[in-house]
């Protein structure tokens, strides 16, 4: 438990160094990991391109143990975020075919 606390403290210190694009997804009914942890990551990372999505009523494992409708929402959001970021990268690298 002490080692877990040390690692958590070290990660907290390094959040300001996170500058790459990232997506944080979390169920707001998660009883395993407090959604405040995801909010902390989002708020403290220095990245200009970051997204936080909290899913009302969803638990810890967002694609297992949820309804089919909830899983579809999660997967759709993941696909949409990835599509935007792949397309942005393709434009920046001069590759227009990002499909």
N, C-alpha and C. Protein backbone atom coordinates (compact mmCIF):
# COMPACT_ATOMS: atom_id res chain seq x y z
N UNK A 1 0.81 -1.18 0.00
CA UNK A 1 0.00 0.00 0.00
C UNK A 1 0.87 1.26 0.00
N UNK A 2 1.95 1.20 0.75
CA UNK A 2 2.87 2.34 0.80
C UNK A 2 3.46 2.63 -0.58
N UNK A 3 3.82 1.56 -1.29
CA UNK A 3 4.39 1.74 -2.64
C UNK A 3 3.36 2.35 -3.58
N UNK A 4 2.11 1.93 -3.47
CA UNK A 4 1.05 2.51 -4.29
C UNK A 4 0.92 4.01 -4.01
N UNK A 5 1.01 4.40 -2.76
CA UNK A 5 0.96 5.82 -2.42
C UNK A 5 2.15 6.58 -3.00
N UNK A 6 3.33 5.97 -2.97
CA UNK A 6 4.52 6.61 -3.55
C UNK A 6 4.37 6.81 -5.06
N UNK A 7 3.90 5.77 -5.72
CA UNK A 7 3.72 5.86 -7.18
C UNK A 7 2.67 6.91 -7.51
N UNK A 8 1.60 6.93 -6.78
CA UNK A 8 0.54 7.92 -7.02
C UNK A 8 1.08 9.33 -6.83
N UNK A 9 1.86 9.55 -5.79
CA UNK A 9 2.44 10.87 -5.54
C UNK A 9 3.38 11.26 -6.68
N UNK A 10 4.18 10.32 -7.14
CA UNK A 10 5.13 10.59 -8.24
C UNK A 10 4.38 10.93 -9.53
N UNK A 11 3.33 10.18 -9.82
CA UNK A 11 2.53 10.47 -11.01
C UNK A 11 1.89 11.84 -10.91
N UNK A 12 1.39 12.18 -9.75
CA UNK A 12 0.78 13.50 -9.55
C UNK A 12 1.78 14.62 -9.84
N UNK A 13 3.01 14.42 -9.43
CA UNK A 13 4.05 15.41 -9.69
C UNK A 13 4.36 15.55 -11.18
N UNK A 14 4.21 14.49 -11.93
CA UNK A 14 4.58 14.47 -13.34
C UNK A 14 3.44 14.88 -14.27
N UNK A 15 2.24 15.07 -13.76
CA UNK A 15 1.11 15.42 -14.62
C UNK A 15 1.36 16.68 -15.43
N UNK A 16 2.07 17.62 -14.85
CA UNK A 16 2.35 18.87 -15.56
C UNK A 16 3.19 18.63 -16.82
N UNK A 17 3.85 17.46 -16.90
CA UNK A 17 4.68 17.13 -18.05
C UNK A 17 3.89 16.45 -19.17
N UNK A 18 2.64 16.12 -18.91
CA UNK A 18 1.81 15.45 -19.92
C UNK A 18 1.32 16.52 -20.90
N UNK A 19 1.85 16.47 -22.11
CA UNK A 19 1.52 17.50 -23.09
C UNK A 19 0.93 16.93 -24.39
N UNK A 20 0.84 15.64 -24.49
CA UNK A 20 0.29 15.03 -25.70
C UNK A 20 -1.25 15.00 -25.62
N UNK A 21 -1.92 14.85 -26.76
CA UNK A 21 -3.38 14.76 -26.74
C UNK A 21 -3.84 13.52 -25.99
N UNK A 22 -4.88 13.66 -25.19
CA UNK A 22 -5.40 12.49 -24.50
C UNK A 22 -6.88 12.64 -24.19
N UNK A 23 -7.50 11.50 -24.03
CA UNK A 23 -8.91 11.38 -23.70
C UNK A 23 -9.02 10.60 -22.39
N UNK A 24 -9.74 11.15 -21.44
CA UNK A 24 -10.01 10.47 -20.18
C UNK A 24 -11.49 10.17 -20.14
N UNK A 25 -11.84 8.89 -19.95
CA UNK A 25 -13.24 8.52 -19.81
C UNK A 25 -13.42 7.84 -18.46
N UNK A 26 -14.56 8.12 -17.84
CA UNK A 26 -14.78 7.59 -16.50
C UNK A 26 -16.28 7.55 -16.22
N UNK A 27 -16.71 6.48 -15.60
CA UNK A 27 -18.10 6.40 -15.15
C UNK A 27 -18.26 7.16 -13.85
N UNK A 28 -19.30 7.98 -13.74
CA UNK A 28 -19.43 8.77 -12.52
C UNK A 28 -19.97 7.97 -11.33
N UNK A 29 -20.38 6.72 -11.60
CA UNK A 29 -20.83 5.84 -10.51
C UNK A 29 -19.77 4.80 -10.15
N UNK A 30 -18.55 5.03 -10.59
CA UNK A 30 -17.42 4.12 -10.33
C UNK A 30 -17.13 4.08 -8.83
N UNK A 31 -17.14 2.88 -8.27
CA UNK A 31 -16.82 2.73 -6.84
C UNK A 31 -15.42 2.12 -6.64
N UNK A 32 -14.73 1.81 -7.75
CA UNK A 32 -13.38 1.26 -7.68
C UNK A 32 -12.35 2.40 -7.69
N UNK A 33 -12.51 3.30 -8.63
CA UNK A 33 -11.63 4.46 -8.75
C UNK A 33 -12.49 5.72 -8.75
N UNK A 34 -12.20 6.60 -7.85
CA UNK A 34 -12.98 7.84 -7.72
C UNK A 34 -12.87 8.67 -9.01
N UNK A 35 -13.99 9.10 -9.56
CA UNK A 35 -13.95 9.95 -10.75
C UNK A 35 -13.12 11.23 -10.54
N UNK A 36 -12.94 11.63 -9.30
CA UNK A 36 -12.11 12.81 -9.01
C UNK A 36 -10.67 12.61 -9.48
N UNK A 37 -10.22 11.36 -9.55
CA UNK A 37 -8.86 11.08 -10.04
C UNK A 37 -8.75 11.47 -11.51
N UNK A 38 -9.76 11.12 -12.29
CA UNK A 38 -9.75 11.50 -13.71
C UNK A 38 -9.86 13.00 -13.87
N UNK A 39 -10.66 13.64 -13.06
CA UNK A 39 -10.78 15.10 -13.10
C UNK A 39 -9.43 15.75 -12.76
N UNK A 40 -8.74 15.19 -11.77
CA UNK A 40 -7.43 15.70 -11.38
C UNK A 40 -6.44 15.59 -12.53
N UNK A 41 -6.41 14.43 -13.20
CA UNK A 41 -5.54 14.24 -14.35
C UNK A 41 -5.84 15.29 -15.41
N UNK A 42 -7.11 15.44 -15.74
CA UNK A 42 -7.52 16.39 -16.77
C UNK A 42 -7.11 17.82 -16.40
N UNK A 43 -7.37 18.20 -15.18
CA UNK A 43 -7.11 19.58 -14.75
C UNK A 43 -5.62 19.89 -14.61
N UNK A 44 -4.80 18.90 -14.32
CA UNK A 44 -3.40 19.15 -14.02
C UNK A 44 -2.42 18.84 -15.14
N UNK A 45 -2.87 18.14 -16.15
CA UNK A 45 -1.99 17.89 -17.30
C UNK A 45 -1.84 19.17 -18.10
N UNK A 46 -0.67 19.40 -18.64
CA UNK A 46 -0.42 20.65 -19.37
C UNK A 46 -0.87 20.59 -20.82
N UNK A 47 -1.34 19.46 -21.26
CA UNK A 47 -1.77 19.31 -22.65
C UNK A 47 -2.81 20.36 -23.03
N UNK A 48 -2.65 20.90 -24.23
CA UNK A 48 -3.63 21.83 -24.78
C UNK A 48 -4.82 21.06 -25.37
N UNK A 49 -4.58 19.82 -25.73
CA UNK A 49 -5.60 18.98 -26.38
C UNK A 49 -5.94 17.82 -25.46
N UNK A 50 -6.93 18.06 -24.62
CA UNK A 50 -7.34 17.02 -23.68
C UNK A 50 -8.85 17.05 -23.56
N UNK A 51 -9.40 15.87 -23.35
CA UNK A 51 -10.85 15.71 -23.25
C UNK A 51 -11.17 14.85 -22.05
N UNK A 52 -12.15 15.27 -21.29
CA UNK A 52 -12.65 14.50 -20.16
C UNK A 52 -14.11 14.20 -20.41
N UNK A 53 -14.47 12.92 -20.36
CA UNK A 53 -15.87 12.51 -20.51
C UNK A 53 -16.25 11.68 -19.30
N UNK A 54 -17.21 12.18 -18.56
CA UNK A 54 -17.76 11.44 -17.42
C UNK A 54 -19.12 10.93 -17.84
N UNK A 55 -19.34 9.64 -17.64
CA UNK A 55 -20.57 8.99 -18.08
C UNK A 55 -21.48 8.75 -16.89
N UNK A 56 -22.62 9.43 -16.93
CA UNK A 56 -23.57 9.37 -15.84
C UNK A 56 -24.08 7.95 -15.60
N UNK A 57 -23.99 7.53 -14.35
CA UNK A 57 -24.52 6.24 -13.93
C UNK A 57 -23.68 5.03 -14.30
N UNK A 58 -22.58 5.24 -15.02
CA UNK A 58 -21.76 4.11 -15.44
C UNK A 58 -20.72 3.77 -14.37
N UNK A 59 -20.33 2.50 -14.38
CA UNK A 59 -19.42 1.96 -13.37
C UNK A 59 -17.96 2.02 -13.84
N UNK A 60 -17.11 1.21 -13.20
CA UNK A 60 -15.67 1.21 -13.44
C UNK A 60 -15.29 0.72 -14.84
N UNK A 61 -15.78 -0.44 -15.20
CA UNK A 61 -15.44 -1.01 -16.50
C UNK A 61 -16.50 -0.58 -17.51
N UNK A 62 -16.14 0.37 -18.31
CA UNK A 62 -17.13 1.02 -19.17
C UNK A 62 -17.62 0.17 -20.34
N UNK A 63 -16.92 -0.90 -20.65
CA UNK A 63 -17.39 -1.74 -21.75
C UNK A 63 -17.72 -3.17 -21.32
N UNK A 64 -17.60 -3.43 -20.04
CA UNK A 64 -18.03 -4.73 -19.51
C UNK A 64 -18.96 -4.47 -18.34
N UNK A 65 -20.09 -5.15 -18.34
CA UNK A 65 -21.03 -4.99 -17.25
C UNK A 65 -21.99 -3.82 -17.43
N UNK A 66 -21.86 -3.11 -18.51
CA UNK A 66 -22.78 -2.03 -18.83
C UNK A 66 -23.80 -2.53 -19.85
N UNK A 67 -24.87 -1.78 -20.00
CA UNK A 67 -25.88 -2.14 -21.01
C UNK A 67 -25.28 -2.01 -22.40
N UNK A 68 -25.90 -2.69 -23.35
CA UNK A 68 -25.42 -2.58 -24.73
C UNK A 68 -25.47 -1.14 -25.22
N UNK A 69 -26.50 -0.40 -24.81
CA UNK A 69 -26.59 1.01 -25.21
C UNK A 69 -25.43 1.82 -24.65
N UNK A 70 -25.09 1.58 -23.40
CA UNK A 70 -23.97 2.31 -22.80
C UNK A 70 -22.64 1.96 -23.47
N UNK A 71 -22.45 0.69 -23.75
CA UNK A 71 -21.22 0.26 -24.45
C UNK A 71 -21.15 0.93 -25.82
N UNK A 72 -22.27 1.00 -26.52
CA UNK A 72 -22.30 1.65 -27.83
C UNK A 72 -21.92 3.13 -27.72
N UNK A 73 -22.36 3.80 -26.67
CA UNK A 73 -22.01 5.20 -26.46
C UNK A 73 -20.51 5.35 -26.25
N UNK A 74 -19.95 4.50 -25.40
CA UNK A 74 -18.51 4.55 -25.11
C UNK A 74 -17.70 4.32 -26.39
N UNK A 75 -18.03 3.25 -27.11
CA UNK A 75 -17.28 2.91 -28.32
C UNK A 75 -17.43 3.99 -29.39
N UNK A 76 -18.60 4.57 -29.50
CA UNK A 76 -18.82 5.65 -30.46
C UNK A 76 -17.96 6.87 -30.10
N UNK A 77 -17.93 7.21 -28.82
CA UNK A 77 -17.12 8.35 -28.38
C UNK A 77 -15.64 8.10 -28.62
N UNK A 78 -15.18 6.87 -28.34
CA UNK A 78 -13.77 6.53 -28.58
C UNK A 78 -13.42 6.64 -30.07
N UNK A 79 -14.29 6.07 -30.91
CA UNK A 79 -14.05 6.13 -32.36
C UNK A 79 -14.01 7.58 -32.84
N UNK A 80 -14.95 8.39 -32.36
CA UNK A 80 -15.01 9.79 -32.80
C UNK A 80 -13.75 10.54 -32.39
N UNK A 81 -13.31 10.35 -31.14
CA UNK A 81 -12.11 11.05 -30.67
C UNK A 81 -10.89 10.61 -31.48
N UNK A 82 -10.76 9.31 -31.69
CA UNK A 82 -9.62 8.80 -32.46
C UNK A 82 -9.66 9.29 -33.90
N UNK A 83 -10.84 9.30 -34.52
CA UNK A 83 -10.96 9.75 -35.90
C UNK A 83 -10.50 11.19 -36.05
N UNK A 84 -10.94 12.06 -35.16
CA UNK A 84 -10.53 13.46 -35.20
C UNK A 84 -9.01 13.59 -35.08
N UNK A 85 -8.43 12.84 -34.15
CA UNK A 85 -7.00 12.97 -33.91
C UNK A 85 -6.16 12.32 -35.00
N UNK A 86 -6.64 11.25 -35.59
CA UNK A 86 -5.93 10.65 -36.73
C UNK A 86 -5.99 11.59 -37.92
N UNK A 87 -7.15 12.19 -38.15
CA UNK A 87 -7.28 13.13 -39.27
C UNK A 87 -6.39 14.36 -39.07
N UNK A 88 -6.34 14.88 -37.85
CA UNK A 88 -5.46 16.02 -37.57
C UNK A 88 -4.01 15.66 -37.84
N UNK A 89 -3.60 14.49 -37.39
CA UNK A 89 -2.22 14.04 -37.60
C UNK A 89 -1.93 13.88 -39.09
N UNK A 90 -2.90 13.34 -39.83
CA UNK A 90 -2.72 13.15 -41.26
C UNK A 90 -2.54 14.48 -41.97
N UNK A 91 -3.34 15.48 -41.59
CA UNK A 91 -3.23 16.80 -42.19
C UNK A 91 -1.86 17.40 -41.87
N UNK A 92 -1.44 17.29 -40.64
CA UNK A 92 -0.14 17.85 -40.24
C UNK A 92 1.02 17.17 -40.95
N UNK A 93 0.87 15.86 -41.24
CA UNK A 93 1.96 15.15 -41.90
C UNK A 93 1.84 15.19 -43.42
N UNK A 94 0.78 15.81 -43.93
CA UNK A 94 0.59 15.92 -45.38
C UNK A 94 -0.06 14.72 -46.00
N UNK A 95 -0.50 13.75 -45.21
CA UNK A 95 -1.18 12.56 -45.71
C UNK A 95 -2.68 12.79 -45.61
N UNK A 96 -3.33 12.99 -46.73
CA UNK A 96 -4.76 13.29 -46.71
C UNK A 96 -5.63 12.06 -46.60
N UNK A 97 -5.09 10.88 -46.82
CA UNK A 97 -5.87 9.64 -46.75
C UNK A 97 -5.74 9.06 -45.35
N UNK A 98 -6.64 9.45 -44.43
CA UNK A 98 -6.54 8.99 -43.04
C UNK A 98 -7.54 7.90 -42.72
N UNK A 99 -8.27 7.40 -43.71
CA UNK A 99 -9.28 6.35 -43.45
C UNK A 99 -8.66 5.02 -43.18
